[in-house]
Amino acid sequence: KTVKKEIKPKTTASSNSQRLFMKLQDSMALSCLKAVQQAYKNRAQVEGQAAKMDQVLLQRHQHKVMLARVDAIKNASRIEALHQREIDDTKLRDNHYRLHVPGRNGHSALIPLL
């Protein structure tokens, strides 16, 4: 028994060019879809970067507000300390010019110092 081999037609230049044309046509049809896919990917990247930038700006703003609050609290504390110091200085000045001398009946008398 002899097996007959199928005879394949030789590929000619026209069949090669037809195959190349079909391959290009398929890739051109897919290129539109690839372009749309790339556009969506780029948009997602840009939106992600914009969201990160908004978050950074918000955190910077919150940090500045926090620093301003800390400065306000420090200034209020300084003002209160200065006010208390003035009161203490006034008391010391008033007490410096007076001398407490015990009286005969047990009460002290204030005598101004000159």
C-alpha atoms as a PDB file:
ATOM      1  CA  LYS A   1       0.000   0.000   0.000  1.00  0.00           C
ATOM      2  CA  THR A   2       1.279   3.318  -0.911  1.00  0.00           C
ATOM      3  CA  VAL A   3       0.099   6.438   0.798  1.00  0.00           C
ATOM      4  CA  LYS A   4      -0.433   9.330  -1.432  1.00  0.00           C
ATOM      5  CA  LYS A   5       0.798  12.600  -0.104  1.00  0.00           C
ATOM      6  CA  GLU A   6      -1.372  15.572  -0.580  1.00  0.00           C
ATOM      7  CA  ILE A   7       0.141  17.991  -2.875  1.00  0.00           C
ATOM      8  CA  LYS A   8       0.123  21.487  -1.441  1.00  0.00           C
ATOM      9  CA  PRO A   9       0.032  24.313  -3.835  1.00  0.00           C
ATOM     10  CA  LYS A  10       3.141  26.352  -3.819  1.00  0.00           C
ATOM     11  CA  THR A  11       2.733  29.671  -2.174  1.00  0.00           C
ATOM     12  CA  THR A  12       2.968  32.410  -4.612  1.00  0.00           C
ATOM     13  CA  ALA A  13       3.695  36.044  -4.082  1.00  0.00           C
ATOM     14  CA  SER A  14       0.004  36.877  -4.349  1.00  0.00           C
ATOM     15  CA  SER A  15      -1.007  34.462  -1.582  1.00  0.00           C
ATOM     16  CA  ASN A  16       1.811  35.802   0.637  1.00  0.00           C
ATOM     17  CA  SER A  17       0.692  39.344   0.020  1.00  0.00           C
ATOM     18  CA  GLN A  18      -2.903  38.332   0.778  1.00  0.00           C
ATOM     19  CA  ARG A  19      -1.817  36.812   4.085  1.00  0.00           C
ATOM     20  CA  LEU A  20       0.186  39.898   4.941  1.00  0.00           C
ATOM     21  CA  PHE A  21      -2.770  42.107   4.021  1.00  0.00           C
ATOM     22  CA  MET A  22      -5.114  40.063   6.261  1.00  0.00           C
ATOM     23  CA  LYS A  23      -2.628  40.195   9.131  1.00  0.00           C
ATOM     24  CA  LEU A  24      -2.273  43.965   8.789  1.00  0.00           C
ATOM     25  CA  GLN A  25      -5.998  44.441   8.519  1.00  0.00           C
ATOM     26  CA  ASP A  26      -6.559  42.437  11.721  1.00  0.00           C
ATOM     27  CA  SER A  27      -3.882  44.376  13.571  1.00  0.00           C
ATOM     28  CA  MET A  28      -5.340  47.662  12.319  1.00  0.00           C
ATOM     29  CA  ALA A  29      -8.763  46.674  13.629  1.00  0.00           C
ATOM     30  CA  LEU A  30      -7.238  45.832  16.985  1.00  0.00           C
ATOM     31  CA  SER A  31      -5.174  49.006  17.037  1.00  0.00           C
ATOM     32  CA  CYS A  32      -8.333  51.079  17.569  1.00  0.00           C
ATOM     33  CA  LEU A  33      -9.234  48.950  20.561  1.00  0.00           C
ATOM     34  CA  LYS A  34      -5.677  49.191  21.860  1.00  0.00           C
ATOM     35  CA  ALA A  35      -5.784  52.971  21.537  1.00  0.00           C
ATOM     36  CA  VAL A  36      -9.048  53.106  23.519  1.00  0.00           C
ATOM     37  CA  GLN A  37      -7.578  50.814  26.168  1.00  0.00           C
ATOM     38  CA  GLN A  38      -4.452  52.988  26.409  1.00  0.00           C
ATOM     39  CA  ALA A  39      -6.614  56.115  26.734  1.00  0.00           C
ATOM     40  CA  TYR A  40      -8.510  54.575  29.664  1.00  0.00           C
ATOM     41  CA  LYS A  41      -5.235  53.526  31.263  1.00  0.00           C
ATOM     42  CA  ASN A  42      -3.779  57.039  30.885  1.00  0.00           C
ATOM     43  CA  ARG A  43      -6.933  58.605  32.298  1.00  0.00           C
ATOM     44  CA  ALA A  44      -6.796  56.301  35.319  1.00  0.00           C
ATOM     45  CA  GLN A  45      -3.157  57.280  35.926  1.00  0.00           C
ATOM     46  CA  VAL A  46      -3.936  60.995  35.658  1.00  0.00           C
ATOM     47  CA  GLU A  47      -6.916  60.676  38.011  1.00  0.00           C
ATOM     48  CA  GLY A  48      -4.768  58.762  40.498  1.00  0.00           C
ATOM     49  CA  GLN A  49      -2.078  61.447  40.390  1.00  0.00           C
ATOM     50  CA  ALA A  50      -4.699  64.177  40.818  1.00  0.00           C
ATOM     51  CA  ALA A  51      -6.178  62.386  43.845  1.00  0.00           C
ATOM     52  CA  LYS A  52      -2.719  62.030  45.407  1.00  0.00           C
ATOM     53  CA  MET A  53      -1.973  65.711  44.772  1.00  0.00           C
ATOM     54  CA  ASP A  54      -5.275  66.736  46.369  1.00  0.00           C
ATOM     55  CA  GLN A  55      -4.439  64.593  49.405  1.00  0.00           C
ATOM     56  CA  VAL A  56      -0.981  66.164  49.700  1.00  0.00           C
ATOM     57  CA  LEU A  57      -2.411  69.684  49.446  1.00  0.00           C
ATOM     58  CA  LEU A  58      -5.042  68.868  52.077  1.00  0.00           C
ATOM     59  CA  GLN A  59      -2.408  67.486  54.455  1.00  0.00           C
ATOM     60  CA  ARG A  60      -0.199  70.558  53.954  1.00  0.00           C
ATOM     61  CA  HIS A  61      -3.145  72.842  54.677  1.00  0.00           C
ATOM     62  CA  GLN A  62      -4.055  70.876  57.807  1.00  0.00           C
ATOM     63  CA  HIS A  63      -0.434  71.042  58.943  1.00  0.00           C
ATOM     64  CA  LYS A  64      -0.374  74.839  58.518  1.00  0.00           C
ATOM     65  CA  VAL A  65      -3.644  75.171  60.440  1.00  0.00           C
ATOM     66  CA  MET A  66      -2.264  72.987  63.217  1.00  0.00           C
ATOM     67  CA  LEU A  67       0.916  75.077  63.432  1.00  0.00           C
ATOM     68  CA  ALA A  68      -1.169  78.259  63.595  1.00  0.00           C
ATOM     69  CA  ARG A  69      -3.211  76.802  66.471  1.00  0.00           C
ATOM     70  CA  VAL A  70      -0.043  75.820  68.330  1.00  0.00           C
ATOM     71  CA  ASP A  71       1.352  79.352  67.844  1.00  0.00           C
ATOM     72  CA  ALA A  72      -1.894  80.873  69.100  1.00  0.00           C
ATOM     73  CA  ILE A  73      -1.818  78.686  72.220  1.00  0.00           C
ATOM     74  CA  LYS A  74       1.841  79.573  72.840  1.00  0.00           C
ATOM     75  CA  ASN A  75       1.128  83.282  72.413  1.00  0.00           C
ATOM     76  CA  ALA A  76      -1.829  83.097  74.788  1.00  0.00           C
ATOM     77  CA  SER A  77       0.361  81.322  77.324  1.00  0.00           C
ATOM     78  CA  ARG A  78       3.087  83.976  76.933  1.00  0.00           C
ATOM     79  CA  ILE A  79       0.580  86.790  77.367  1.00  0.00           C
ATOM     80  CA  GLU A  80      -0.851  85.126  80.465  1.00  0.00           C
ATOM     81  CA  ALA A  81       2.657  84.639  81.883  1.00  0.00           C
ATOM     82  CA  LEU A  82       3.525  88.306  81.229  1.00  0.00           C
ATOM     83  CA  HIS A  83       0.285  89.427  82.837  1.00  0.00           C
ATOM     84  CA  GLN A  84       0.947  87.262  85.887  1.00  0.00           C
ATOM     85  CA  ARG A  85       4.490  88.611  86.049  1.00  0.00           C
ATOM     86  CA  GLU A  86       3.199  92.188  86.036  1.00  0.00           C
ATOM     87  CA  ILE A  87       0.791  91.336  88.849  1.00  0.00           C
ATOM     88  CA  ASP A  88       3.583  89.693  90.841  1.00  0.00           C
ATOM     89  CA  ASP A  89       5.920  92.654  90.233  1.00  0.00           C
ATOM     90  CA  THR A  90       3.215  95.047  91.413  1.00  0.00           C
ATOM     91  CA  LYS A  91       2.679  92.996  94.556  1.00  0.00           C
ATOM     92  CA  LEU A  92       6.410  92.871  95.232  1.00  0.00           C
ATOM     93  CA  ARG A  93       6.736  96.615  94.684  1.00  0.00           C
ATOM     94  CA  ASP A  94       3.815  97.296  97.016  1.00  0.00           C
ATOM     95  CA  ASN A  95       5.234  94.966  99.656  1.00  0.00           C
ATOM     96  CA  HIS A  96       8.717  96.390  99.279  1.00  0.00           C
ATOM     97  CA  TYR A  97       7.550  99.840 100.363  1.00  0.00           C
ATOM     98  CA  ARG A  98       5.679  98.524 103.388  1.00  0.00           C
ATOM     99  CA  LEU A  99       6.984  96.875 106.467  1.00  0.00           C
ATOM    100  CA  HIS A 100       4.852  94.580 108.557  1.00  0.00           C
ATOM    101  CA  VAL A 101       5.437  95.460 112.200  1.00  0.00           C
ATOM    102  CA  PRO A 102       3.607  93.535 114.871  1.00  0.00           C
ATOM    103  CA  GLY A 103       1.428  95.856 116.964  1.00  0.00           C
ATOM    104  CA  ARG A 104       0.740  95.793 120.692  1.00  0.00           C
ATOM    105  CA  ASN A 105      -2.597  94.055 120.361  1.00  0.00           C
ATOM    106  CA  GLY A 106      -1.273  91.288 118.069  1.00  0.00           C
ATOM    107  CA  HIS A 107      -2.210  92.971 114.792  1.00  0.00           C
ATOM    108  CA  SER A 108       0.460  93.928 112.332  1.00  0.00           C
ATOM    109  CA  ALA A 109       0.781  97.485 111.135  1.00  0.00           C
ATOM    110  CA  LEU A 110       1.926  98.539 107.681  1.00  0.00           C
ATOM    111  CA  ILE A 111       4.647 101.181 107.771  1.00  0.00           C
ATOM    112  CA  PRO A 112       5.853 102.599 104.444  1.00  0.00           C
ATOM    113  CA  LEU A 113       9.568 102.337 103.894  1.00  0.00           C
ATOM    114  CA  LEU A 114      11.314 105.465 102.766  1.00  0.00           C
END
